[in-house]
Amino acid sequence: MTYEQFEREKEYEARMSILRKMLKSGLITKKEYDKIDTIFVKKYAPIFGALCR
C-alpha cells in the first residue's frame, strides 16, 4: 500500500465513522447514509473500506 492509498483509506474511514454516528443518532436516514457512502467510495477509492461495505 502506498502512502497515498493509506491516506485515502484513513480519510474514508474517518468520514464513515462520523456518518455511522449520525445514522445511529437519527440525524440521517439509511438511504442518505448509503448515498453518501457511494460518493465517498468513488472519491477516496478505499481498498479495505470498500471490502467491508
PDB file of N, CA and C in Angstrom:
ATOM      1  N   MET A   1       0.853  -1.167   0.000  1.00  0.00           N
ATOM      2  CA  MET A   1       0.000   0.000   0.000  1.00  0.00           C
ATOM      3  C   MET A   1       0.900   1.233   0.000  1.00  0.00           C
ATOM      4  N   THR A   2       0.591   2.134  -0.885  1.00  0.00           N
ATOM      5  CA  THR A   2       1.369   3.374  -0.957  1.00  0.00           C
ATOM      6  C   THR A   2       0.882   4.358   0.106  1.00  0.00           C
ATOM      7  N   TYR A   3       1.655   5.388   0.293  1.00  0.00           N
ATOM      8  CA  TYR A   3       1.278   6.435   1.245  1.00  0.00           C
ATOM      9  C   TYR A   3      -0.051   7.079   0.841  1.00  0.00           C
ATOM     10  N   GLU A   4      -0.222   7.327  -0.443  1.00  0.00           N
ATOM     11  CA  GLU A   4      -1.451   7.947  -0.942  1.00  0.00           C
ATOM     12  C   GLU A   4      -2.662   7.039  -0.700  1.00  0.00           C
ATOM     13  N   GLN A   5      -2.497   5.750  -0.927  1.00  0.00           N
ATOM     14  CA  GLN A   5      -3.586   4.809  -0.673  1.00  0.00           C
ATOM     15  C   GLN A   5      -3.941   4.789   0.814  1.00  0.00           C
ATOM     16  N   PHE A   6      -2.912   4.796   1.651  1.00  0.00           N
ATOM     17  CA  PHE A   6      -3.136   4.812   3.089  1.00  0.00           C
ATOM     18  C   PHE A   6      -3.904   6.067   3.506  1.00  0.00           C
ATOM     19  N   GLU A   7      -3.512   7.203   2.982  1.00  0.00           N
ATOM     20  CA  GLU A   7      -4.194   8.454   3.308  1.00  0.00           C
ATOM     21  C   GLU A   7      -5.656   8.426   2.861  1.00  0.00           C
ATOM     22  N   ARG A   8      -5.922   7.919   1.659  1.00  0.00           N
ATOM     23  CA  ARG A   8      -7.305   7.815   1.180  1.00  0.00           C
ATOM     24  C   ARG A   8      -8.114   6.883   2.076  1.00  0.00           C
ATOM     25  N   GLU A   9      -7.525   5.773   2.466  1.00  0.00           N
ATOM     26  CA  GLU A   9      -8.200   4.818   3.351  1.00  0.00           C
ATOM     27  C   GLU A   9      -8.536   5.472   4.689  1.00  0.00           C
ATOM     28  N   LYS A  10      -7.575   6.202   5.231  1.00  0.00           N
ATOM     29  CA  LYS A  10      -7.756   6.878   6.514  1.00  0.00           C
ATOM     30  C   LYS A  10      -8.871   7.926   6.427  1.00  0.00           C
ATOM     31  N   GLU A  11      -8.865   8.716   5.371  1.00  0.00           N
ATOM     32  CA  GLU A  11      -9.898   9.743   5.193  1.00  0.00           C
ATOM     33  C   GLU A  11     -11.288   9.116   5.052  1.00  0.00           C
ATOM     34  N   TYR A  12     -11.369   8.049   4.262  1.00  0.00           N
ATOM     35  CA  TYR A  12     -12.644   7.366   4.076  1.00  0.00           C
ATOM     36  C   TYR A  12     -13.163   6.837   5.414  1.00  0.00           C
ATOM     37  N   GLU A  13     -12.315   6.153   6.159  1.00  0.00           N
ATOM     38  CA  GLU A  13     -12.741   5.564   7.430  1.00  0.00           C
ATOM     39  C   GLU A  13     -13.143   6.634   8.441  1.00  0.00           C
ATOM     40  N   ALA A  14     -12.436   7.745   8.471  1.00  0.00           N
ATOM     41  CA  ALA A  14     -12.781   8.831   9.389  1.00  0.00           C
ATOM     42  C   ALA A  14     -14.165   9.391   9.063  1.00  0.00           C
ATOM     43  N   ARG A  15     -14.424   9.616   7.802  1.00  0.00           N
ATOM     44  CA  ARG A  15     -15.724  10.164   7.395  1.00  0.00           C
ATOM     45  C   ARG A  15     -16.855   9.156   7.631  1.00  0.00           C
ATOM     46  N   MET A  16     -16.570   7.887   7.372  1.00  0.00           N
ATOM     47  CA  MET A  16     -17.602   6.878   7.578  1.00  0.00           C
ATOM     48  C   MET A  16     -17.916   6.705   9.063  1.00  0.00           C
ATOM     49  N   SER A  17     -16.939   6.887   9.910  1.00  0.00           N
ATOM     50  CA  SER A  17     -17.174   6.818  11.345  1.00  0.00           C
ATOM     51  C   SER A  17     -18.164   7.905  11.769  1.00  0.00           C
ATOM     52  N   ILE A  18     -17.977   9.089  11.250  1.00  0.00           N
ATOM     53  CA  ILE A  18     -18.888  10.189  11.545  1.00  0.00           C
ATOM     54  C   ILE A  18     -20.283   9.873  11.007  1.00  0.00           C
ATOM     55  N   LEU A  19     -20.339   9.351   9.796  1.00  0.00           N
ATOM     56  CA  LEU A  19     -21.637   9.013   9.211  1.00  0.00           C
ATOM     57  C   LEU A  19     -22.360   7.948  10.019  1.00  0.00           C
ATOM     58  N   ARG A  20     -21.630   6.938  10.495  1.00  0.00           N
ATOM     59  CA  ARG A  20     -22.255   5.884  11.307  1.00  0.00           C
ATOM     60  C   ARG A  20     -22.851   6.468  12.586  1.00  0.00           C
ATOM     61  N   LYS A  21     -22.145   7.417  13.202  1.00  0.00           N
ATOM     62  CA  LYS A  21     -22.663   8.074  14.407  1.00  0.00           C
ATOM     63  C   LYS A  21     -23.913   8.886  14.083  1.00  0.00           C
ATOM     64  N   MET A  22     -23.894   9.563  12.938  1.00  0.00           N
ATOM     65  CA  MET A  22     -25.062  10.348  12.527  1.00  0.00           C
ATOM     66  C   MET A  22     -26.257   9.438  12.259  1.00  0.00           C
ATOM     67  N   LEU A  23     -26.008   8.298  11.630  1.00  0.00           N
ATOM     68  CA  LEU A  23     -27.078   7.341  11.363  1.00  0.00           C
ATOM     69  C   LEU A  23     -27.640   6.796  12.669  1.00  0.00           C
ATOM     70  N   LYS A  24     -26.780   6.407  13.572  1.00  0.00           N
ATOM     71  CA  LYS A  24     -27.203   5.865  14.862  1.00  0.00           C
ATOM     72  C   LYS A  24     -27.997   6.885  15.671  1.00  0.00           C
ATOM     73  N   SER A  25     -27.639   8.162  15.548  1.00  0.00           N
ATOM     74  CA  SER A  25     -28.329   9.236  16.276  1.00  0.00           C
ATOM     75  C   SER A  25     -29.621   9.668  15.604  1.00  0.00           C
ATOM     76  N   GLY A  26     -29.864   9.161  14.407  1.00  0.00           N
ATOM     77  CA  GLY A  26     -31.077   9.532  13.696  1.00  0.00           C
ATOM     78  C   GLY A  26     -30.966  10.830  12.920  1.00  0.00           C
ATOM     79  N   LEU A  27     -29.762  11.344  12.765  1.00  0.00           N
ATOM     80  CA  LEU A  27     -29.588  12.596  12.038  1.00  0.00           C
ATOM     81  C   LEU A  27     -29.692  12.410  10.532  1.00  0.00           C
ATOM     82  N   ILE A  28     -29.382  11.204  10.061  1.00  0.00           N
ATOM     83  CA  ILE A  28     -29.535  10.878   8.647  1.00  0.00           C
ATOM     84  C   ILE A  28     -30.244   9.524   8.538  1.00  0.00           C
ATOM     85  N   THR A  29     -30.844   9.281   7.404  1.00  0.00           N
ATOM     86  CA  THR A  29     -31.524   8.008   7.166  1.00  0.00           C
ATOM     87  C   THR A  29     -30.547   6.996   6.564  1.00  0.00           C
ATOM     88  N   LYS A  30     -30.968   5.738   6.539  1.00  0.00           N
ATOM     89  CA  LYS A  30     -30.151   4.695   5.929  1.00  0.00           C
ATOM     90  C   LYS A  30     -29.950   4.986   4.447  1.00  0.00           C
ATOM     91  N   LYS A  31     -30.972   5.502   3.796  1.00  0.00           N
ATOM     92  CA  LYS A  31     -30.871   5.841   2.377  1.00  0.00           C
ATOM     93  C   LYS A  31     -29.832   6.937   2.159  1.00  0.00           C
ATOM     94  N   GLU A  32     -29.836   7.957   3.002  1.00  0.00           N
ATOM     95  CA  GLU A  32     -28.845   9.030   2.905  1.00  0.00           C
ATOM     96  C   GLU A  32     -27.441   8.497   3.185  1.00  0.00           C
ATOM     97  N   TYR A  33     -27.340   7.635   4.189  1.00  0.00           N
ATOM     98  CA  TYR A  33     -26.057   7.026   4.527  1.00  0.00           C
ATOM     99  C   TYR A  33     -25.493   6.268   3.333  1.00  0.00           C
ATOM    100  N   ASP A  34     -26.317   5.446   2.711  1.00  0.00           N
ATOM    101  CA  ASP A  34     -25.872   4.657   1.559  1.00  0.00           C
ATOM    102  C   ASP A  34     -25.443   5.551   0.389  1.00  0.00           C
ATOM    103  N   LYS A  35     -26.189   6.630   0.177  1.00  0.00           N
ATOM    104  CA  LYS A  35     -25.859   7.550  -0.913  1.00  0.00           C
ATOM    105  C   LYS A  35     -24.510   8.225  -0.668  1.00  0.00           C
ATOM    106  N   ILE A  36     -24.293   8.689   0.558  1.00  0.00           N
ATOM    107  CA  ILE A  36     -23.035   9.347   0.890  1.00  0.00           C
ATOM    108  C   ILE A  36     -21.884   8.350   0.834  1.00  0.00           C
ATOM    109  N   ASP A  37     -22.121   7.131   1.298  1.00  0.00           N
ATOM    110  CA  ASP A  37     -21.087   6.095   1.242  1.00  0.00           C
ATOM    111  C   ASP A  37     -20.653   5.849  -0.197  1.00  0.00           C
ATOM    112  N   THR A  38     -21.592   5.769  -1.101  1.00  0.00           N
ATOM    113  CA  THR A  38     -21.278   5.563  -2.515  1.00  0.00           C
ATOM    114  C   THR A  38     -20.420   6.708  -3.056  1.00  0.00           C
ATOM    115  N   ILE A  39     -20.759   7.920  -2.682  1.00  0.00           N
ATOM    116  CA  ILE A  39     -19.982   9.085  -3.105  1.00  0.00           C
ATOM    117  C   ILE A  39     -18.558   9.004  -2.560  1.00  0.00           C
ATOM    118  N   PHE A  40     -18.429   8.652  -1.277  1.00  0.00           N
ATOM    119  CA  PHE A  40     -17.105   8.563  -0.662  1.00  0.00           C
ATOM    120  C   PHE A  40     -16.265   7.433  -1.254  1.00  0.00           C
ATOM    121  N   VAL A  41     -16.891   6.331  -1.611  1.00  0.00           N
ATOM    122  CA  VAL A  41     -16.143   5.229  -2.242  1.00  0.00           C
ATOM    123  C   VAL A  41     -15.570   5.694  -3.577  1.00  0.00           C
ATOM    124  N   LYS A  42     -16.366   6.435  -4.330  1.00  0.00           N
ATOM    125  CA  LYS A  42     -15.873   6.958  -5.607  1.00  0.00           C
ATOM    126  C   LYS A  42     -14.765   7.984  -5.387  1.00  0.00           C
ATOM    127  N   LYS A  43     -14.917   8.825  -4.363  1.00  0.00           N
ATOM    128  CA  LYS A  43     -13.950   9.891  -4.116  1.00  0.00           C
ATOM    129  C   LYS A  43     -12.623   9.360  -3.561  1.00  0.00           C
ATOM    130  N   TYR A  44     -12.682   8.456  -2.591  1.00  0.00           N
ATOM    131  CA  TYR A  44     -11.472   8.014  -1.895  1.00  0.00           C
ATOM    132  C   TYR A  44     -10.927   6.681  -2.395  1.00  0.00           C
ATOM    133  N   ALA A  45     -11.705   5.907  -3.121  1.00  0.00           N
ATOM    134  CA  ALA A  45     -11.287   4.596  -3.648  1.00  0.00           C
ATOM    135  C   ALA A  45     -10.568   3.761  -2.576  1.00  0.00           C
ATOM    136  N   PRO A  46     -11.241   3.529  -1.432  1.00  0.00           N
ATOM    137  CA  PRO A  46     -10.591   2.768  -0.370  1.00  0.00           C
ATOM    138  C   PRO A  46     -10.437   1.304  -0.757  1.00  0.00           C
ATOM    139  N   ILE A  47      -9.375   0.701  -0.285  1.00  0.00           N
ATOM    140  CA  ILE A  47      -9.149  -0.715  -0.566  1.00  0.00           C
ATOM    141  C   ILE A  47      -9.912  -1.550   0.453  1.00  0.00           C
ATOM    142  N   PHE A  48      -9.647  -1.345   1.727  1.00  0.00           N
ATOM    143  CA  PHE A  48     -10.262  -2.146   2.768  1.00  0.00           C
ATOM    144  C   PHE A  48     -11.684  -1.704   3.070  1.00  0.00           C
ATOM    145  N   GLY A  49     -11.922  -0.409   3.060  1.00  0.00           N
ATOM    146  CA  GLY A  49     -13.257   0.100   3.323  1.00  0.00           C
ATOM    147  C   GLY A  49     -14.286  -0.395   2.334  1.00  0.00           C
ATOM    148  N   ALA A  50     -13.895  -0.485   1.085  1.00  0.00           N
ATOM    149  CA  ALA A  50     -14.809  -0.966   0.043  1.00  0.00           C
ATOM    150  C   ALA A  50     -15.112  -2.447   0.236  1.00  0.00           C
ATOM    151  N   LEU A  51     -14.172  -3.200   0.759  1.00  0.00           N
ATOM    152  CA  LEU A  51     -14.399  -4.622   1.002  1.00  0.00           C
ATOM    153  C   LEU A  51     -15.365  -4.859   2.139  1.00  0.00           C
ATOM    154  N   CYS A  52     -15.402  -3.942   3.085  1.00  0.00           N
ATOM    155  CA  CYS A  52     -16.256  -4.106   4.280  1.00  0.00           C
ATOM    156  C   CYS A  52     -17.640  -3.505   4.105  1.00  0.00           C
ATOM    157  N   ARG A  53     -17.949  -2.979   2.973  1.00  0.00           N
ATOM    158  CA  ARG A  53     -19.256  -2.342   2.759  1.00  0.00           C
ATOM    159  C   ARG A  53     -20.374  -3.294   2.899  1.00  0.00           C
TER     160      ARG A  53
END
